[in-house]
């Protein structure tokens, strides 16, 4: 569920959405894993923070986000079952 966009449902919507996004945006980001918790044999979650910049047409914009990943183990491999992010930058003045 990216900020200001509808939630993508299913692998095809995710793939198409990220292809479209990465065709216009480039990122220079650092990720920090804040917490990982295995809740059961099949489920876990992870929290992270991201800082850096996104680049559109040669112009960089600061990025600072918080993310939550819900993971599900399928055939012995942890996969992202749900993902949500929001900015941690201050709100723009009105």
PDB file of N, CA and C in Angstrom:
ATOM      1  N   UNK A   1       0.834  -1.175   0.000  1.00  0.00           N
ATOM      2  CA  UNK A   1       0.000   0.000   0.000  1.00  0.00           C
ATOM      3  C   UNK A   1       0.881   1.241   0.000  1.00  0.00           C
ATOM      4  N   UNK A   2       1.327   1.674  -1.155  1.00  0.00           N
ATOM      5  CA  UNK A   2       2.129   2.888  -1.199  1.00  0.00           C
ATOM      6  C   UNK A   2       1.291   4.119  -0.885  1.00  0.00           C
ATOM      7  N   UNK A   3       1.946   5.108  -0.322  1.00  0.00           N
ATOM      8  CA  UNK A   3       1.266   6.343   0.055  1.00  0.00           C
ATOM      9  C   UNK A   3       0.665   7.018  -1.170  1.00  0.00           C
ATOM     10  N   UNK A   4      -0.559   7.506  -1.022  1.00  0.00           N
ATOM     11  CA  UNK A   4      -1.285   8.265  -2.056  1.00  0.00           C
ATOM     12  C   UNK A   4      -1.611   7.426  -3.300  1.00  0.00           C
ATOM     13  N   UNK A   5      -1.600   6.117  -3.172  1.00  0.00           N
ATOM     14  CA  UNK A   5      -1.907   5.246  -4.311  1.00  0.00           C
ATOM     15  C   UNK A   5      -2.792   4.103  -3.826  1.00  0.00           C
ATOM     16  N   UNK A   6      -3.591   3.527  -4.714  1.00  0.00           N
ATOM     17  CA  UNK A   6      -4.400   2.375  -4.303  1.00  0.00           C
ATOM     18  C   UNK A   6      -3.508   1.161  -4.053  1.00  0.00           C
ATOM     19  N   UNK A   7      -4.007   0.259  -3.230  1.00  0.00           N
ATOM     20  CA  UNK A   7      -3.262  -0.969  -2.932  1.00  0.00           C
ATOM     21  C   UNK A   7      -3.208  -1.854  -4.168  1.00  0.00           C
ATOM     22  N   UNK A   8      -2.060  -2.442  -4.403  1.00  0.00           N
ATOM     23  CA  UNK A   8      -1.912  -3.429  -5.485  1.00  0.00           C
ATOM     24  C   UNK A   8      -2.332  -4.782  -4.925  1.00  0.00           C
ATOM     25  N   UNK A   9      -3.032  -5.545  -5.733  1.00  0.00           N
ATOM     26  CA  UNK A   9      -3.499  -6.863  -5.315  1.00  0.00           C
ATOM     27  C   UNK A   9      -2.985  -7.885  -6.311  1.00  0.00           C
ATOM     28  N   UNK A  10      -2.187  -8.811  -5.828  1.00  0.00           N
ATOM     29  CA  UNK A  10      -1.680  -9.880  -6.684  1.00  0.00           C
ATOM     30  C   UNK A  10      -0.358  -9.533  -7.344  1.00  0.00           C
ATOM     31  N   UNK A  11       0.327 -10.574  -7.783  1.00  0.00           N
ATOM     32  CA  UNK A  11       1.664 -10.442  -8.361  1.00  0.00           C
ATOM     33  C   UNK A  11       1.663  -9.575  -9.617  1.00  0.00           C
ATOM     34  N   UNK A  12       0.661  -9.706 -10.477  1.00  0.00           N
ATOM     35  CA  UNK A  12       0.650  -8.938 -11.727  1.00  0.00           C
ATOM     36  C   UNK A  12       0.541  -7.438 -11.445  1.00  0.00           C
ATOM     37  N   UNK A  13      -0.366  -7.038 -10.567  1.00  0.00           N
ATOM     38  CA  UNK A  13      -0.501  -5.613 -10.250  1.00  0.00           C
ATOM     39  C   UNK A  13       0.775  -5.075  -9.615  1.00  0.00           C
ATOM     40  N   UNK A  14       1.398  -5.850  -8.735  1.00  0.00           N
ATOM     41  CA  UNK A  14       2.662  -5.423  -8.129  1.00  0.00           C
ATOM     42  C   UNK A  14       3.746  -5.237  -9.185  1.00  0.00           C
ATOM     43  N   UNK A  15       3.909  -6.239 -10.024  1.00  0.00           N
ATOM     44  CA  UNK A  15       4.930  -6.198 -11.083  1.00  0.00           C
ATOM     45  C   UNK A  15       4.709  -4.997 -11.997  1.00  0.00           C
ATOM     46  N   UNK A  16       3.469  -4.826 -12.477  1.00  0.00           N
ATOM     47  CA  UNK A  16       3.156  -3.718 -13.380  1.00  0.00           C
ATOM     48  C   UNK A  16       3.369  -2.367 -12.710  1.00  0.00           C
ATOM     49  N   UNK A  17       2.943  -2.250 -11.448  1.00  0.00           N
ATOM     50  CA  UNK A  17       3.091  -0.997 -10.722  1.00  0.00           C
ATOM     51  C   UNK A  17       4.546  -0.613 -10.519  1.00  0.00           C
ATOM     52  N   UNK A  18       5.368  -1.582 -10.126  1.00  0.00           N
ATOM     53  CA  UNK A  18       6.786  -1.268  -9.909  1.00  0.00           C
ATOM     54  C   UNK A  18       7.528  -1.026 -11.219  1.00  0.00           C
ATOM     55  N   UNK A  19       7.173  -1.729 -12.266  1.00  0.00           N
ATOM     56  CA  UNK A  19       7.800  -1.445 -13.577  1.00  0.00           C
ATOM     57  C   UNK A  19       7.513  -0.014 -13.995  1.00  0.00           C
ATOM     58  N   UNK A  20       6.276   0.416 -13.824  1.00  0.00           N
ATOM     59  CA  UNK A  20       5.895   1.777 -14.177  1.00  0.00           C
ATOM     60  C   UNK A  20       6.642   2.786 -13.304  1.00  0.00           C
ATOM     61  N   UNK A  21       6.685   2.534 -12.006  1.00  0.00           N
ATOM     62  CA  UNK A  21       7.361   3.428 -11.076  1.00  0.00           C
ATOM     63  C   UNK A  21       8.849   3.544 -11.396  1.00  0.00           C
ATOM     64  N   UNK A  22       9.516   2.401 -11.586  1.00  0.00           N
ATOM     65  CA  UNK A  22      10.959   2.416 -11.823  1.00  0.00           C
ATOM     66  C   UNK A  22      11.325   2.907 -13.221  1.00  0.00           C
ATOM     67  N   UNK A  23      10.348   3.041 -14.107  1.00  0.00           N
ATOM     68  CA  UNK A  23      10.645   3.604 -15.425  1.00  0.00           C
ATOM     69  C   UNK A  23      10.850   5.115 -15.357  1.00  0.00           C
ATOM     70  N   UNK A  24      10.318   5.767 -14.313  1.00  0.00           N
ATOM     71  CA  UNK A  24      10.466   7.216 -14.197  1.00  0.00           C
ATOM     72  C   UNK A  24      11.288   7.641 -12.981  1.00  0.00           C
ATOM     73  N   UNK A  25      11.399   6.780 -11.991  1.00  0.00           N
ATOM     74  CA  UNK A  25      12.126   7.116 -10.764  1.00  0.00           C
ATOM     75  C   UNK A  25      13.357   6.247 -10.608  1.00  0.00           C
ATOM     76  N   UNK A  26      14.410   6.836 -10.104  1.00  0.00           N
ATOM     77  CA  UNK A  26      15.605   6.106  -9.694  1.00  0.00           C
ATOM     78  C   UNK A  26      15.806   6.410  -8.214  1.00  0.00           C
ATOM     79  N   UNK A  27      16.353   5.464  -7.482  1.00  0.00           N
ATOM     80  CA  UNK A  27      16.513   5.637  -6.048  1.00  0.00           C
ATOM     81  C   UNK A  27      17.955   5.456  -5.624  1.00  0.00           C
ATOM     82  N   UNK A  28      18.346   6.218  -4.614  1.00  0.00           N
ATOM     83  CA  UNK A  28      19.607   6.044  -3.910  1.00  0.00           C
ATOM     84  C   UNK A  28      19.226   5.988  -2.430  1.00  0.00           C
ATOM     85  N   UNK A  29      19.010   4.782  -1.911  1.00  0.00           N
ATOM     86  CA  UNK A  29      18.430   4.608  -0.587  1.00  0.00           C
ATOM     87  C   UNK A  29      19.287   3.721   0.302  1.00  0.00           C
ATOM     88  N   UNK A  30      19.174   3.967   1.599  1.00  0.00           N
ATOM     89  CA  UNK A  30      19.772   3.103   2.616  1.00  0.00           C
ATOM     90  C   UNK A  30      18.639   2.554   3.474  1.00  0.00           C
ATOM     91  N   UNK A  31      18.680   1.260   3.734  1.00  0.00           N
ATOM     92  CA  UNK A  31      17.653   0.596   4.523  1.00  0.00           C
ATOM     93  C   UNK A  31      18.224   0.195   5.880  1.00  0.00           C
ATOM     94  N   UNK A  32      17.427   0.392   6.914  1.00  0.00           N
ATOM     95  CA  UNK A  32      17.783  -0.054   8.255  1.00  0.00           C
ATOM     96  C   UNK A  32      16.661  -0.938   8.770  1.00  0.00           C
ATOM     97  N   UNK A  33      16.983  -2.188   9.070  1.00  0.00           N
ATOM     98  CA  UNK A  33      15.994  -3.096   9.658  1.00  0.00           C
ATOM     99  C   UNK A  33      15.921  -2.782  11.142  1.00  0.00           C
ATOM    100  N   UNK A  34      14.748  -2.413  11.624  1.00  0.00           N
ATOM    101  CA  UNK A  34      14.561  -2.041  13.021  1.00  0.00           C
ATOM    102  C   UNK A  34      14.130  -3.213  13.884  1.00  0.00           C
ATOM    103  N   UNK A  35      13.374  -4.136  13.288  1.00  0.00           N
ATOM    104  CA  UNK A  35      12.805  -5.221  14.079  1.00  0.00           C
ATOM    105  C   UNK A  35      12.370  -6.345  13.148  1.00  0.00           C
ATOM    106  N   UNK A  36      12.635  -7.556  13.561  1.00  0.00           N
ATOM    107  CA  UNK A  36      12.059  -8.729  12.896  1.00  0.00           C
ATOM    108  C   UNK A  36      11.504  -9.633  13.982  1.00  0.00           C
ATOM    109  N   UNK A  37      10.295 -10.113  13.768  1.00  0.00           N
ATOM    110  CA  UNK A  37       9.632 -10.973  14.742  1.00  0.00           C
ATOM    111  C   UNK A  37       9.002 -12.145  13.997  1.00  0.00           C
ATOM    112  N   UNK A  38       9.406 -13.354  14.360  1.00  0.00           N
ATOM    113  CA  UNK A  38       8.771 -14.555  13.837  1.00  0.00           C
ATOM    114  C   UNK A  38       7.636 -14.885  14.787  1.00  0.00           C
ATOM    115  N   UNK A  39       6.410 -14.833  14.279  1.00  0.00           N
ATOM    116  CA  UNK A  39       5.223 -15.019  15.097  1.00  0.00           C
ATOM    117  C   UNK A  39       4.832 -16.496  15.175  1.00  0.00           C
ATOM    118  N   UNK A  40       5.068 -17.217  14.090  1.00  0.00           N
ATOM    119  CA  UNK A  40       4.759 -18.644  14.036  1.00  0.00           C
ATOM    120  C   UNK A  40       5.672 -19.276  12.986  1.00  0.00           C
ATOM    121  N   UNK A  41       5.477 -20.557  12.731  1.00  0.00           N
ATOM    122  CA  UNK A  41       6.284 -21.231  11.711  1.00  0.00           C
ATOM    123  C   UNK A  41       6.046 -20.671  10.319  1.00  0.00           C
ATOM    124  N   UNK A  42       4.877 -20.045  10.105  1.00  0.00           N
ATOM    125  CA  UNK A  42       4.524 -19.535   8.776  1.00  0.00           C
ATOM    126  C   UNK A  42       4.512 -18.024   8.656  1.00  0.00           C
ATOM    127  N   UNK A  43       4.458 -17.293   9.768  1.00  0.00           N
ATOM    128  CA  UNK A  43       4.252 -15.854   9.701  1.00  0.00           C
ATOM    129  C   UNK A  43       5.312 -15.094  10.495  1.00  0.00           C
ATOM    130  N   UNK A  44       5.688 -13.925   9.966  1.00  0.00           N
ATOM    131  CA  UNK A  44       6.623 -13.033  10.637  1.00  0.00           C
ATOM    132  C   UNK A  44       6.342 -11.610  10.165  1.00  0.00           C
ATOM    133  N   UNK A  45       6.925 -10.646  10.878  1.00  0.00           N
ATOM    134  CA  UNK A  45       6.859  -9.275  10.374  1.00  0.00           C
ATOM    135  C   UNK A  45       8.203  -8.597  10.584  1.00  0.00           C
ATOM    136  N   UNK A  46       8.423  -7.559   9.811  1.00  0.00           N
ATOM    137  CA  UNK A  46       9.651  -6.775   9.910  1.00  0.00           C
ATOM    138  C   UNK A  46       9.302  -5.304   9.755  1.00  0.00           C
ATOM    139  N   UNK A  47       9.995  -4.473  10.543  1.00  0.00           N
ATOM    140  CA  UNK A  47       9.866  -3.018  10.413  1.00  0.00           C
ATOM    141  C   UNK A  47      11.204  -2.461   9.958  1.00  0.00           C
ATOM    142  N   UNK A  48      11.141  -1.444   9.106  1.00  0.00           N
ATOM    143  CA  UNK A  48      12.381  -0.835   8.615  1.00  0.00           C
ATOM    144  C   UNK A  48      12.194   0.664   8.406  1.00  0.00           C
ATOM    145  N   UNK A  49      13.330   1.335   8.241  1.00  0.00           N
ATOM    146  CA  UNK A  49      13.352   2.745   7.857  1.00  0.00           C
ATOM    147  C   UNK A  49      14.229   2.881   6.626  1.00  0.00           C
ATOM    148  N   UNK A  50      13.870   3.822   5.779  1.00  0.00           N
ATOM    149  CA  UNK A  50      14.619   4.076   4.554  1.00  0.00           C
ATOM    150  C   UNK A  50      14.946   5.568   4.490  1.00  0.00           C
ATOM    151  N   UNK A  51      16.186   5.883   4.135  1.00  0.00           N
ATOM    152  CA  UNK A  51      16.571   7.279   3.914  1.00  0.00           C
ATOM    153  C   UNK A  51      17.384   7.367   2.627  1.00  0.00           C
ATOM    154  N   UNK A  52      17.383   8.515   2.022  1.00  0.00           N
ATOM    155  CA  UNK A  52      18.148   8.715   0.796  1.00  0.00           C
ATOM    156  C   UNK A  52      17.436   9.691  -0.103  1.00  0.00           C
ATOM    157  N   UNK A  53      17.458   9.392  -1.412  1.00  0.00           N
ATOM    158  CA  UNK A  53      16.801  10.293  -2.357  1.00  0.00           C
ATOM    159  C   UNK A  53      16.197   9.506  -3.510  1.00  0.00           C
ATOM    160  N   UNK A  54      15.159  10.109  -4.076  1.00  0.00           N
ATOM    161  CA  UNK A  54      14.588   9.611  -5.318  1.00  0.00           C
ATOM    162  C   UNK A  54      14.959  10.617  -6.391  1.00  0.00           C
ATOM    163  N   UNK A  55      15.189  10.129  -7.595  1.00  0.00           N
ATOM    164  CA  UNK A  55      15.678  10.984  -8.671  1.00  0.00           C
ATOM    165  C   UNK A  55      14.709  10.895  -9.847  1.00  0.00           C
ATOM    166  N   UNK A  56      14.188  12.058 -10.241  1.00  0.00           N
ATOM    167  CA  UNK A  56      13.280  12.154 -11.379  1.00  0.00           C
ATOM    168  C   UNK A  56      13.889  13.141 -12.353  1.00  0.00           C
ATOM    169  N   UNK A  57      14.208  12.680 -13.547  1.00  0.00           N
ATOM    170  CA  UNK A  57      14.756  13.567 -14.566  1.00  0.00           C
ATOM    171  C   UNK A  57      16.010  14.312 -14.125  1.00  0.00           C
ATOM    172  N   UNK A  58      16.849  13.674 -13.329  1.00  0.00           N
ATOM    173  CA  UNK A  58      18.092  14.291 -12.891  1.00  0.00           C
ATOM    174  C   UNK A  58      17.979  15.119 -11.627  1.00  0.00           C
ATOM    175  N   UNK A  59      16.762  15.358 -11.134  1.00  0.00           N
ATOM    176  CA  UNK A  59      16.557  16.133  -9.915  1.00  0.00           C
ATOM    177  C   UNK A  59      16.313  15.201  -8.743  1.00  0.00           C
ATOM    178  N   UNK A  60      17.131  15.338  -7.686  1.00  0.00           N
ATOM    179  CA  UNK A  60      16.978  14.503  -6.500  1.00  0.00           C
ATOM    180  C   UNK A  60      16.022  15.113  -5.496  1.00  0.00           C
ATOM    181  N   UNK A  61      15.248  14.266  -4.852  1.00  0.00           N
ATOM    182  CA  UNK A  61      14.338  14.689  -3.791  1.00  0.00           C
ATOM    183  C   UNK A  61      14.620  13.811  -2.578  1.00  0.00           C
ATOM    184  N   UNK A  62      14.665  14.407  -1.369  1.00  0.00           N
ATOM    185  CA  UNK A  62      14.931  13.599  -0.186  1.00  0.00           C
ATOM    186  C   UNK A  62      13.824  12.579   0.055  1.00  0.00           C
ATOM    187  N   UNK A  63      14.219  11.412   0.537  1.00  0.00           N
ATOM    188  CA  UNK A  63      13.281  10.350   0.890  1.00  0.00           C
ATOM    189  C   UNK A  63      13.531   9.951   2.333  1.00  0.00           C
ATOM    190  N   UNK A  64      12.482   9.702   3.072  1.00  0.00           N
ATOM    191  CA  UNK A  64      12.563   9.147   4.422  1.00  0.00           C
ATOM    192  C   UNK A  64      11.247   8.434   4.667  1.00  0.00           C
ATOM    193  N   UNK A  65      11.311   7.130   4.823  1.00  0.00           N
ATOM    194  CA  UNK A  65      10.096   6.325   4.944  1.00  0.00           C
ATOM    195  C   UNK A  65      10.200   5.328   6.083  1.00  0.00           C
ATOM    196  N   UNK A  66       9.041   4.872   6.521  1.00  0.00           N
ATOM    197  CA  UNK A  66       8.924   3.767   7.464  1.00  0.00           C
ATOM    198  C   UNK A  66       8.167   2.673   6.726  1.00  0.00           C
ATOM    199  N   UNK A  67       8.579   1.409   6.919  1.00  0.00           N
ATOM    200  CA  UNK A  67       7.940   0.299   6.217  1.00  0.00           C
ATOM    201  C   UNK A  67       7.570  -0.802   7.203  1.00  0.00           C
ATOM    202  N   UNK A  68       6.514  -1.512   6.859  1.00  0.00           N
ATOM    203  CA  UNK A  68       6.098  -2.704   7.597  1.00  0.00           C
ATOM    204  C   UNK A  68       5.888  -3.821   6.589  1.00  0.00           C
ATOM    205  N   UNK A  69       6.577  -4.927   6.803  1.00  0.00           N
ATOM    206  CA  UNK A  69       6.459  -6.105   5.953  1.00  0.00           C
ATOM    207  C   UNK A  69       5.823  -7.221   6.763  1.00  0.00           C
ATOM    208  N   UNK A  70       4.801  -7.861   6.218  1.00  0.00           N
ATOM    209  CA  UNK A  70       4.261  -9.094   6.775  1.00  0.00           C
ATOM    210  C   UNK A  70       4.752 -10.205   5.857  1.00  0.00           C
ATOM    211  N   UNK A  71       5.418 -11.180   6.440  1.00  0.00           N
ATOM    212  CA  UNK A  71       6.052 -12.253   5.666  1.00  0.00           C
ATOM    213  C   UNK A  71       5.354 -13.577   5.924  1.00  0.00           C
ATOM    214  N   UNK A  72       5.284 -14.403   4.882  1.00  0.00           N
ATOM    215  CA  UNK A  72       4.711 -15.741   4.996  1.00  0.00           C
ATOM    216  C   UNK A  72       5.711 -16.735   4.425  1.00  0.00           C
ATOM    217  N   UNK A  73       5.918 -17.818   5.163  1.00  0.00           N
ATOM    218  CA  UNK A  73       6.838 -18.850   4.688  1.00  0.00           C
ATOM    219  C   UNK A  73       6.084 -19.798   3.760  1.00  0.00           C
ATOM    220  N   UNK A  74       6.568 -19.911   2.530  1.00  0.00           N
ATOM    221  CA  UNK A  74       5.961 -20.771   1.516  1.00  0.00           C
ATOM    222  C   UNK A  74       7.062 -21.677   0.977  1.00  0.00           C
ATOM    223  N   UNK A  75       6.862 -22.979   1.095  1.00  0.00           N
ATOM    224  CA  UNK A  75       7.858 -23.954   0.629  1.00  0.00           C
ATOM    225  C   UNK A  75       9.251 -23.660   1.193  1.00  0.00           C
ATOM    226  N   UNK A  76       9.291 -23.296   2.484  1.00  0.00           N
ATOM    227  CA  UNK A  76      10.560 -23.065   3.154  1.00  0.00           C
ATOM    228  C   UNK A  76      11.199 -21.709   2.905  1.00  0.00           C
ATOM    229  N   UNK A  77      10.533 -20.820   2.165  1.00  0.00           N
ATOM    230  CA  UNK A  77      11.101 -19.517   1.821  1.00  0.00           C
ATOM    231  C   UNK A  77      10.190 -18.400   2.317  1.00  0.00           C
ATOM    232  N   UNK A  78      10.773 -17.380   2.969  1.00  0.00           N
ATOM    233  CA  UNK A  78       9.988 -16.243   3.429  1.00  0.00           C
ATOM    234  C   UNK A  78       9.677 -15.327   2.246  1.00  0.00           C
ATOM    235  N   UNK A  79       8.375 -15.071   2.047  1.00  0.00           N
ATOM    236  CA  UNK A  79       7.909 -14.189   0.966  1.00  0.00           C
ATOM    237  C   UNK A  79       7.141 -13.018   1.567  1.00  0.00           C
ATOM    238  N   UNK A  80       7.137 -11.904   0.875  1.00  0.00           N
ATOM    239  CA  UNK A  80       6.367 -10.746   1.337  1.00  0.00           C
ATOM    240  C   UNK A  80       4.896 -11.005   1.041  1.00  0.00           C
ATOM    241  N   UNK A  81       4.095 -11.080   2.103  1.00  0.00           N
ATOM    242  CA  UNK A  81       2.655 -11.286   1.952  1.00  0.00           C
ATOM    243  C   UNK A  81       1.911  -9.952   1.933  1.00  0.00           C
ATOM    244  N   UNK A  82       2.405  -8.988   2.711  1.00  0.00           N
ATOM    245  CA  UNK A  82       1.819  -7.651   2.761  1.00  0.00           C
ATOM    246  C   UNK A  82       2.948  -6.651   2.987  1.00  0.00           C
ATOM    247  N   UNK A  83       2.761  -5.425   2.474  1.00  0.00           N
ATOM    248  CA  UNK A  83       3.759  -4.372   2.618  1.00  0.00           C
ATOM    249  C   UNK A  83       3.028  -3.044   2.733  1.00  0.00           C
ATOM    250  N   UNK A  84       3.466  -2.221   3.670  1.00  0.00           N
ATOM    251  CA  UNK A  84       2.874  -0.899   3.836  1.00  0.00           C
ATOM    252  C   UNK A  84       3.994   0.076   4.166  1.00  0.00           C
ATOM    253  N   UNK A  85       3.921   1.284   3.621  1.00  0.00           N
ATOM    254  CA  UNK A  85       4.943   2.295   3.897  1.00  0.00           C
ATOM    255  C   UNK A  85       4.284   3.649   4.047  1.00  0.00           C
ATOM    256  N   UNK A  86       4.986   4.522   4.737  1.00  0.00           N
ATOM    257  CA  UNK A  86       4.559   5.920   4.828  1.00  0.00           C
ATOM    258  C   UNK A  86       5.797   6.781   4.982  1.00  0.00           C
ATOM    259  N   UNK A  87       5.674   8.018   4.609  1.00  0.00           N
ATOM    260  CA  UNK A  87       6.792   8.936   4.734  1.00  0.00           C
ATOM    261  C   UNK A  87       7.035   9.270   6.199  1.00  0.00           C
ATOM    262  N   UNK A  88       8.268   9.528   6.542  1.00  0.00           N
ATOM    263  CA  UNK A  88       8.591  10.022   7.878  1.00  0.00           C
ATOM    264  C   UNK A  88       9.137  11.445   7.793  1.00  0.00           C
ATOM    265  N   UNK A  89       9.013  12.043   6.606  1.00  0.00           N
ATOM    266  CA  UNK A  89       9.388  13.451   6.436  1.00  0.00           C
ATOM    267  C   UNK A  89       8.284  14.333   6.995  1.00  0.00           C
ATOM    268  N   UNK A  90       8.618  15.519   7.450  1.00  0.00           N
ATOM    269  CA  UNK A  90       7.584  16.429   7.965  1.00  0.00           C
ATOM    270  C   UNK A  90       6.562  16.769   6.881  1.00  0.00           C
ATOM    271  N   UNK A  91       5.341  17.023   7.315  1.00  0.00           N
ATOM    272  CA  UNK A  91       4.285  17.425   6.379  1.00  0.00           C
ATOM    273  C   UNK A  91       4.644  18.763   5.743  1.00  0.00           C
ATOM    274  N   UNK A  92       4.241  18.916   4.494  1.00  0.00           N
ATOM    275  CA  UNK A  92       4.474  20.188   3.795  1.00  0.00           C
ATOM    276  C   UNK A  92       3.570  21.268   4.371  1.00  0.00           C
ATOM    277  N   UNK A  93       4.076  22.471   4.456  1.00  0.00           N
ATOM    278  CA  UNK A  93       3.285  23.604   4.949  1.00  0.00           C
ATOM    279  C   UNK A  93       2.165  23.904   3.962  1.00  0.00           C
ATOM    280  N   UNK A  94       1.018  24.293   4.482  1.00  0.00           N
ATOM    281  CA  UNK A  94      -0.128  24.604   3.619  1.00  0.00           C
ATOM    282  C   UNK A  94      -0.174  26.065   3.304  1.00  0.00           C
TER     283      UNK A  94
END
